[in-house]
Protein backbone atom coordinates (compact mmCIF):
# COMPACT_ATOMS: atom_id res chain seq x y z
CA MET A 1 -19.27 4.25 9.81
CA SER A 2 -16.12 5.52 8.34
CA VAL A 3 -12.55 3.67 8.76
CA SER A 4 -9.36 5.52 9.94
CA PRO A 5 -6.47 4.83 7.62
CA LYS A 6 -4.69 3.22 10.63
CA SER A 7 -7.62 0.88 11.32
CA LYS A 8 -8.67 -0.22 7.55
CA GLN A 9 -4.78 -0.69 7.31
CA HIS A 10 -4.41 -3.53 9.99
CA SER A 11 -8.39 -4.78 9.12
CA GLU A 12 -5.84 -5.60 5.25
CA SER A 13 -2.69 -6.93 7.63
CA LYS A 14 -5.27 -9.22 9.23
CA GLU A 15 -6.79 -10.27 5.89
CA MET A 16 -3.27 -11.11 4.58
CA ILE A 17 -2.35 -13.02 7.80
CA GLN A 18 -5.39 -15.61 7.15
CA GLU A 19 -4.35 -15.55 3.78
CA VAL A 20 -0.82 -17.13 4.59
CA ASP A 21 -2.44 -19.17 7.26
CA ARG A 22 -4.56 -20.87 4.81
CA PHE A 23 -1.69 -21.83 2.98
CA VAL A 24 -1.64 -25.62 4.05
CA ASP A 25 -5.51 -25.91 3.63
CA GLY A 26 -4.80 -24.93 -0.21
CA ILE A 27 -2.56 -27.87 -0.48
CA ALA A 28 -4.93 -30.35 0.99
CA ARG A 29 -8.12 -29.07 -1.23
CA SER A 30 -6.28 -29.59 -4.41
CA VAL A 31 -4.83 -32.92 -3.40
CA LYS A 32 -7.94 -34.24 -3.11
CA THR A 33 -9.22 -33.17 -6.35
CA LYS A 34 -9.86 -36.08 -8.81
CA LEU A 35 -8.29 -35.20 -12.49
CA ARG A 36 -7.80 -37.18 -15.63
CA MET A 37 -4.44 -36.25 -17.45
CA PRO A 38 -3.11 -36.99 -20.54
CA SER A 39 -0.01 -39.11 -20.04
CA ASP A 40 1.77 -39.26 -23.92
CA PHE A 41 4.60 -36.14 -23.14
CA ASN A 42 8.13 -36.38 -22.72
CA ARG A 43 8.69 -33.03 -21.06
CA VAL A 44 6.38 -30.28 -18.84
CA CYS A 45 6.41 -26.79 -19.24
CA ILE A 46 4.84 -24.58 -16.82
CA CYS A 47 3.72 -21.19 -18.06
CA GLY A 48 3.24 -18.22 -15.62
CA MET A 49 4.80 -15.80 -13.46
CA GLY A 50 5.21 -14.17 -10.01
CA GLY A 51 2.85 -16.56 -7.42
CA SER A 52 1.96 -18.60 -10.24
CA ALA A 53 5.40 -19.86 -11.68
CA MET A 54 6.95 -20.14 -8.04
CA SER A 55 4.66 -23.13 -7.75
CA GLY A 56 6.19 -24.86 -10.40
CA ASP A 57 9.82 -24.30 -9.07
CA ILE A 58 9.02 -25.45 -5.78
CA ILE A 59 7.43 -28.72 -7.86
CA ALA A 60 10.13 -28.95 -10.07
CA ASP A 61 13.06 -28.89 -7.46
CA ALA A 62 11.70 -31.49 -5.52
CA LEU A 63 11.32 -34.17 -8.45
CA THR A 64 14.59 -33.25 -10.09
CA MET A 65 15.99 -36.35 -9.09
CA SER A 66 13.49 -38.58 -9.05
CA TRP A 67 11.85 -38.11 -12.34
CA ASN A 68 13.60 -39.16 -15.72
CA ILE A 69 10.94 -36.45 -17.46
CA PRO A 70 12.39 -32.58 -17.13
CA ILE A 71 10.33 -29.87 -15.72
CA GLN A 72 10.66 -26.45 -17.19
CA VAL A 73 9.44 -23.01 -15.79
CA ILE A 74 8.97 -20.27 -18.12
CA ARG A 75 8.31 -16.69 -17.70
CA SER A 76 8.38 -14.97 -20.57
CA THR A 77 6.23 -13.57 -23.09
CA SER A 78 7.13 -16.46 -25.80
CA ILE A 79 7.92 -20.32 -25.51
CA PRO A 80 11.00 -22.06 -26.58
CA ASN A 81 11.13 -23.72 -30.41
CA TRP A 82 11.60 -27.27 -29.34
CA MET A 83 7.91 -27.40 -27.44
CA ASP A 84 5.70 -29.47 -29.49
CA GLU A 85 2.49 -31.83 -29.31
CA ARG A 86 4.66 -34.14 -26.89
CA THR A 87 5.37 -31.39 -24.48
CA LEU A 88 2.15 -31.13 -21.78
CA VAL A 89 1.85 -27.42 -20.61
CA ILE A 90 0.84 -25.91 -17.79
CA ALA A 91 -0.02 -22.75 -18.01
CA SER A 92 -1.03 -21.17 -14.86
CA SER A 93 -2.36 -17.55 -13.96
CA TYR A 94 -4.52 -17.09 -11.06
CA SER A 95 -6.40 -13.92 -12.43
CA GLY A 96 -6.41 -15.29 -15.62
CA ASN A 97 -5.69 -12.14 -17.18
CA THR A 98 -1.94 -12.17 -16.79
CA ARG A 99 -0.51 -10.83 -20.51
CA GLU A 100 2.58 -12.87 -20.70
CA THR A 101 0.87 -15.96 -19.82
CA LEU A 102 -1.96 -15.48 -22.07
CA MET A 103 0.69 -14.91 -25.05
CA MET A 104 2.15 -18.17 -24.35
CA TYR A 105 -1.35 -20.30 -23.90
CA ASP A 106 -1.60 -19.06 -27.28
CA GLN A 107 2.03 -20.08 -28.96
CA ALA A 108 1.90 -23.29 -27.04
CA LYS A 109 -1.69 -24.22 -28.14
CA ALA A 110 -0.43 -23.27 -32.16
CA LYS A 111 2.19 -25.73 -31.37
CA GLY A 112 0.03 -28.95 -31.08
CA CYS A 113 0.93 -29.11 -26.83
CA LYS A 114 -1.10 -30.65 -25.01
CA MET A 115 -2.60 -28.51 -22.47
CA VAL A 116 -3.68 -28.05 -19.03
CA VAL A 117 -5.18 -24.69 -17.17
CA ILE A 118 -5.37 -23.48 -13.51
CA THR A 119 -6.98 -20.24 -12.91
CA ALA A 120 -9.37 -18.67 -10.97
CA GLY A 121 -10.97 -17.42 -14.39
CA GLY A 122 -10.47 -14.00 -16.69
CA GLU A 123 -9.58 -14.46 -20.12
CA LEU A 124 -7.38 -17.28 -19.60
CA ARG A 125 -10.67 -19.63 -18.54
CA ASP A 126 -12.34 -18.47 -21.51
CA LYS A 127 -9.31 -19.26 -23.92
CA CYS A 128 -9.34 -22.78 -22.09
CA LEU A 129 -12.85 -23.88 -22.44
CA ARG A 130 -13.65 -22.29 -26.23
CA ASP A 131 -10.21 -24.61 -26.86
CA SER A 132 -11.65 -27.73 -24.94
CA ASN A 133 -8.51 -28.18 -22.75
CA LYS A 134 -8.21 -29.47 -18.94
CA LEU A 135 -9.64 -26.85 -16.58
CA ILE A 136 -8.48 -26.69 -13.04
CA GLU A 137 -10.30 -23.49 -10.94
CA VAL A 138 -9.06 -22.05 -8.01
CA PRO A 139 -10.93 -20.64 -5.69
CA ILE A 140 -11.72 -16.60 -5.98
CA GLY A 141 -10.97 -13.54 -3.94
CA LEU A 142 -7.29 -14.02 -2.91
CA GLN A 143 -4.38 -12.53 -3.58
CA PRO A 144 -2.20 -14.00 -6.18
CA ARG A 145 0.36 -14.52 -4.24
CA SER A 146 -1.87 -16.50 -1.69
CA ALA A 147 -3.02 -19.18 -3.70
CA ILE A 148 0.55 -20.60 -3.94
CA GLY A 149 -0.56 -24.08 -1.51
CA TYR A 150 -3.79 -24.58 -4.17
CA THR A 151 -0.92 -24.42 -7.29
CA ILE A 152 1.44 -26.32 -5.34
CA GLY A 153 -1.01 -29.55 -4.83
CA TYR A 154 -2.74 -29.16 -8.06
CA LEU A 155 0.76 -29.89 -9.66
CA ALA A 156 1.34 -32.26 -7.53
CA ASN A 157 -1.99 -34.24 -8.57
CA ILE A 158 -1.29 -33.69 -12.10
CA ILE A 159 1.98 -35.06 -12.10
CA GLN A 160 0.75 -38.04 -10.35
CA THR A 161 -2.79 -38.22 -12.48
CA ALA A 162 -0.43 -38.14 -15.38
CA GLY A 163 1.64 -41.12 -14.19
CA GLY A 164 4.76 -39.39 -12.68
CA PRO A 165 6.51 -39.79 -9.34
CA LYS A 166 3.79 -39.86 -6.33
CA VAL A 167 4.46 -35.94 -4.91
CA ARG A 168 0.58 -35.89 -4.65
CA ASP A 169 0.54 -38.89 -2.19
CA GLU A 170 3.84 -37.53 -0.34
CA LEU A 171 2.01 -34.18 -0.18
CA THR A 172 -1.14 -35.76 1.79
CA ARG A 173 1.09 -37.72 4.26
CA MET A 174 2.41 -34.31 4.83
CA ILE A 175 -0.49 -32.13 5.54
CA PRO A 176 -0.69 -32.89 9.51
CA LEU A 177 3.30 -32.49 9.93
CA LEU A 178 2.60 -28.86 8.09
CA ARG A 179 0.04 -27.58 10.17
CA ARG A 180 1.74 -28.75 13.63
CA TYR A 181 4.90 -26.24 11.50
CA ARG A 182 2.39 -23.24 11.16
CA GLY A 183 1.25 -23.61 14.75
CA SER A 184 4.78 -23.47 16.08
CA ILE A 185 6.05 -20.32 13.55
CA TRP A 186 1.92 -18.94 13.51
CA THR A 187 2.09 -14.78 14.10
CA ARG A 188 0.64 -14.84 17.47
CA ASN A 189 3.05 -17.30 18.98
CA PRO A 190 5.37 -15.86 21.20
CA GLU A 191 8.61 -18.18 20.82
CA SER A 192 7.90 -17.83 16.36
CA GLU A 193 11.18 -18.19 14.61
CA ALA A 194 9.68 -16.18 12.27
CA LYS A 195 9.18 -13.20 14.33
CA HIS A 196 12.68 -13.57 15.79
CA ILE A 197 14.39 -14.01 12.61
CA ALA A 198 12.05 -10.80 11.20
CA LYS A 199 13.54 -8.84 14.13
CA ARG A 200 17.19 -9.33 12.96
CA LEU A 201 16.55 -8.35 9.39
CA HIS A 202 14.28 -5.24 10.60
CA GLY A 203 15.98 -2.33 8.66
CA THR A 204 18.75 -4.24 6.73
CA VAL A 205 18.66 -5.39 2.31
CA PRO A 206 18.46 -8.63 2.88
CA ALA A 207 20.59 -11.20 0.52
CA ILE A 208 18.25 -14.60 0.86
CA TYR A 209 20.72 -17.34 -0.35
CA ALA A 210 20.29 -21.54 -0.81
CA ASP A 211 21.36 -24.28 -3.05
CA GLY A 212 19.68 -27.11 -4.26
CA ALA A 213 15.89 -27.70 -3.68
CA LEU A 214 15.66 -24.40 -1.61
CA SER A 215 16.47 -22.31 -4.15
CA SER A 216 12.61 -21.56 -5.33
CA ALA A 217 12.04 -20.91 -1.57
CA ALA A 218 15.09 -18.28 -1.33
CA VAL A 219 13.16 -16.63 -4.30
CA ARG A 220 10.08 -16.93 -2.47
CA TRP A 221 11.34 -15.15 0.52
CA LYS A 222 12.73 -12.03 -1.62
CA ASN A 223 9.33 -11.82 -3.41
CA GLN A 224 7.29 -11.79 -0.38
CA ILE A 225 9.39 -9.18 1.12
CA ASN A 226 9.62 -7.42 -1.69
CA GLU A 227 5.81 -7.49 -1.54
CA ASN A 228 4.45 -7.58 2.08
CA SER A 229 7.07 -6.12 3.97
CA LYS A 230 8.17 -2.95 1.12
CA MET A 231 11.80 -3.72 1.14
CA ILE A 232 14.29 -4.19 -0.86
CA ALA A 233 15.43 -7.68 -1.17
CA PHE A 234 17.54 -9.81 -3.39
CA ASN A 235 18.44 -13.42 -3.84
CA GLY A 236 21.46 -15.72 -4.70
CA ALA A 237 22.40 -19.39 -5.37
CA ILE A 238 24.78 -21.47 -3.77
CA PRO A 239 27.82 -22.68 -5.04
CA GLU A 240 27.70 -19.70 -7.76
CA MET A 241 27.85 -16.58 -5.30
CA ASN A 242 31.12 -18.02 -4.07
CA HIS A 243 32.58 -17.41 -7.91
CA ASN A 244 31.34 -13.81 -7.44
CA GLU A 245 29.00 -12.30 -5.01
CA ILE A 246 31.50 -13.43 -2.38
CA VAL A 247 33.59 -10.48 -3.44
CA GLY A 248 31.17 -7.76 -3.08
CA TRP A 249 30.56 -9.17 0.17
CA SER A 250 34.30 -9.22 1.28
CA ALA A 251 35.36 -5.38 -0.16
CA CYS A 252 32.05 -2.86 -0.87
CA ALA A 253 31.93 -0.11 1.56
CA HIS A 254 28.22 -0.60 1.82
CA ARG A 255 27.88 -4.29 3.10
CA THR A 256 26.99 -3.42 6.52
CA LYS A 257 23.74 -2.06 5.42
CA CYS A 258 23.09 -5.56 3.66
CA LYS A 259 21.98 -8.69 5.45
CA PRO A 260 23.09 -12.27 4.13
CA VAL A 261 20.52 -14.94 4.42
CA PHE A 262 21.73 -18.54 4.33
CA LEU A 263 18.64 -21.11 4.45
CA TYR A 264 20.64 -24.51 5.24
CA GLU A 265 18.57 -27.70 4.42
CA GLU A 266 19.33 -29.94 7.21
CA GLY A 267 19.92 -33.07 5.43
CA SER A 268 21.95 -31.79 2.43
CA SER A 269 25.25 -33.63 1.01
CA ASP A 270 28.50 -32.79 2.88
CA VAL A 271 29.36 -30.93 -0.12
CA GLN A 272 26.74 -28.70 -0.12
CA GLY A 273 26.64 -28.11 3.62
CA THR A 274 30.36 -28.01 3.82
CA ILE A 275 30.54 -24.93 0.84
CA MET A 276 27.65 -22.76 3.10
CA LEU A 277 29.26 -22.95 5.87
CA GLU A 278 32.39 -22.25 4.96
CA SER A 279 30.85 -18.96 3.02
CA VAL A 280 28.78 -18.18 6.25
CA GLU A 281 32.29 -17.97 7.83
CA LEU A 282 34.04 -16.10 4.76
CA LEU A 283 31.55 -13.64 5.55
CA ARG A 284 31.69 -13.09 8.72
CA SER A 285 35.76 -13.28 8.89
CA SER A 286 35.11 -9.74 6.08
CA GLY A 287 32.83 -8.23 8.46
CA SER A 288 29.31 -9.41 7.75
CA ASP A 289 26.55 -10.54 10.11
CA PRO A 290 24.82 -13.75 8.31
CA GLU A 291 21.77 -15.52 9.44
CA VAL A 292 21.60 -18.63 8.84
CA VAL A 293 18.40 -20.51 8.69
CA THR A 294 17.89 -24.17 9.47
CA ILE A 295 15.34 -25.62 7.58
CA GLU A 296 14.55 -29.40 8.76
CA GLY A 297 12.56 -32.41 7.07
CA ARG A 298 12.74 -35.51 5.86
CA THR A 299 12.53 -34.82 2.15
CA VAL A 300 13.19 -32.21 -0.39
CA LEU A 301 9.81 -31.02 -0.66
CA GLU A 302 9.03 -31.05 3.18
CA ARG A 303 12.24 -28.61 3.42
CA SER A 304 10.99 -26.55 0.68
CA LEU A 305 7.30 -26.12 1.73
CA LYS A 306 8.82 -25.25 5.52
CA ALA A 307 11.13 -22.97 4.16
CA VAL A 308 8.14 -21.00 1.72
CA MET A 309 6.32 -20.79 5.13
CA LEU A 310 8.57 -19.66 7.29
CA GLY A 311 9.37 -17.10 4.97
CA ASP A 312 6.13 -15.60 4.23
CA TYR A 313 5.66 -15.44 8.22
CA VAL A 314 8.68 -13.17 8.65
CA SER A 315 7.91 -10.98 5.54
CA LEU A 316 4.26 -10.49 7.91
CA PHE A 317 6.64 -9.47 10.87
CA LEU A 318 8.75 -7.25 9.17
CA ALA A 319 5.52 -5.25 7.17
CA SER A 320 4.59 -5.17 11.18
CA MET A 321 7.58 -3.53 12.16
CA ASN A 322 7.80 -1.17 9.21
CA GLY A 323 3.88 -0.01 9.50
CA VAL A 324 3.20 -1.06 5.78
CA ASP A 325 -0.12 -2.66 4.38
CA PRO A 326 0.94 -6.25 3.09
CA MET A 327 -1.69 -6.21 1.10
CA ASP A 328 -0.82 -2.92 -1.07
CA ILE A 329 0.97 -3.68 -4.30
CA GLU A 330 -0.41 -0.22 -6.19
CA PRO A 331 3.28 0.12 -8.02
CA ILE A 332 2.92 -3.27 -9.47
CA THR A 333 -0.92 -2.52 -10.51
CA SER A 334 0.24 0.91 -11.83
CA PHE A 335 3.01 -0.55 -14.22
CA LYS A 336 0.41 -3.11 -15.13
CA LYS A 337 -1.88 -0.26 -16.18
CA ARG A 338 0.81 2.01 -17.97
CA LEU A 339 2.25 -1.72 -20.11
CA ALA A 340 -1.77 -2.65 -21.18
CA MET A 341 -1.72 1.06 -22.20
CA LEU A 342 1.48 1.29 -24.14
CA LEU A 343 0.47 -1.87 -25.42
CA GLY A 344 -2.90 -1.06 -26.62
CA ARG A 345 -1.91 2.13 -28.47
CA LYS A 346 0.74 0.22 -30.35
CA LYS A 347 -2.40 -2.51 -31.37
CA THR A 348 -4.28 0.36 -32.92
CA ASP A 349 -1.57 2.20 -34.63
CA LYS A 350 -2.43 -0.29 -37.91
CA PRO A 351 -4.63 -0.16 -41.16
CA LYS A 352 -7.84 1.48 -39.98
CA LYS A 353 -10.33 -1.28 -40.87
CA GLU A 354 -8.99 -2.34 -37.27
CA LYS A 355 -8.65 0.75 -36.01
CA THR A 356 -12.26 1.49 -35.14
CA ASP A 357 -13.08 -1.63 -32.70
CA ARG A 358 -9.90 -2.25 -30.68
CA PRO A 359 -10.14 0.88 -28.49
CA LYS A 360 -13.58 -0.06 -27.58
CA LYS A 361 -12.73 -3.82 -27.07
CA GLU A 362 -9.94 -2.79 -24.50
CA LYS A 363 -12.20 -0.36 -22.59
CA THR A 364 -15.22 -3.35 -22.12
CA ASP A 365 -12.05 -5.65 -21.12
CA LYS A 366 -11.29 -3.34 -18.97
CA LYS A 367 -14.37 -2.84 -17.09
CA LYS A 368 -14.98 -6.81 -16.82
CA ARG A 369 -11.56 -7.23 -15.01
CA SER A 370 -10.96 -6.97 -11.26
CA PRO A 371 -8.69 -4.60 -9.67
CA GLU A 372 -6.27 -7.69 -8.96
CA THR A 373 -5.95 -8.21 -12.40
CA ASP A 374 -2.39 -10.12 -12.85
CA ASP A 375 -0.59 -12.20 -10.69
CA GLN A 376 2.01 -11.06 -8.22
């Protein structure tokens, strides 16, 4: 039986809703996994792109004030020169074929770093097994950006197992609470806060602002609105925006087409709270209509995860209002293919002895890859 475009879109939208619903389940499964990790390191670097790097941001933000070992998330094609054999490198790529992550893995290996890999397969898995490094496998069949629950849980598990703060235990205690919160903002709840926020953001260009521990959640909101809702969105940081962007909000003739969104962290310090609320009032006095979203929770990590969950559902409601398929990421896929072709062409522009095998190898690799070849 043929499927109409409309029914196909509904089916794929339902699939994405199910993936977002399983965010907490991914955390629950990954924190239970028993791991053995190296403990002789003085810094942690999480190498990845898109959703795979976002998990690192969330964990790093949560541990900034409670661990004396620095955590840095690196999104690049190269690693910092200061990385060495005392650095714990966690290379994270859902597909295992993210070009940038593969390049960082090779460089970290050459420097003698301690290596851990989080992936569902691909070339990164093959490299890890060949090099006898620590491998943590994520279930296959997800959109890369939907695997964030697993990667958050695994990162927390790695850090506590390696002798760091008890962030895995904190996540474990938090799971029933997060499940209740999911029910309150679930897509079928007519009183869903996410649905009401989406209605106010619909037809605008959202700019998501947060301070401190919620800065990674603001990036996640922007990314999910970009990908799921097919909307332009941006993010910024408090108090930095008060030193530059606030001028644009006060004077730009097009500001009414944009929607400032402030993720207000209940429990933030008096200084942080005052700065954010004064920023909101100044924008209101300049003719903007800011949206203030209060995020509650007892700990930094709880507030961060709740903010992520809320933003994910907001993006799905916006996708429905826009009549778009949240699973479709054709521009990203197209760009990755073009980049692979260009880089493959440069590789073949070498002495003849290397030229004969490379085109064949590129074709073979492409056949092995699934349509979803890169992290988002």
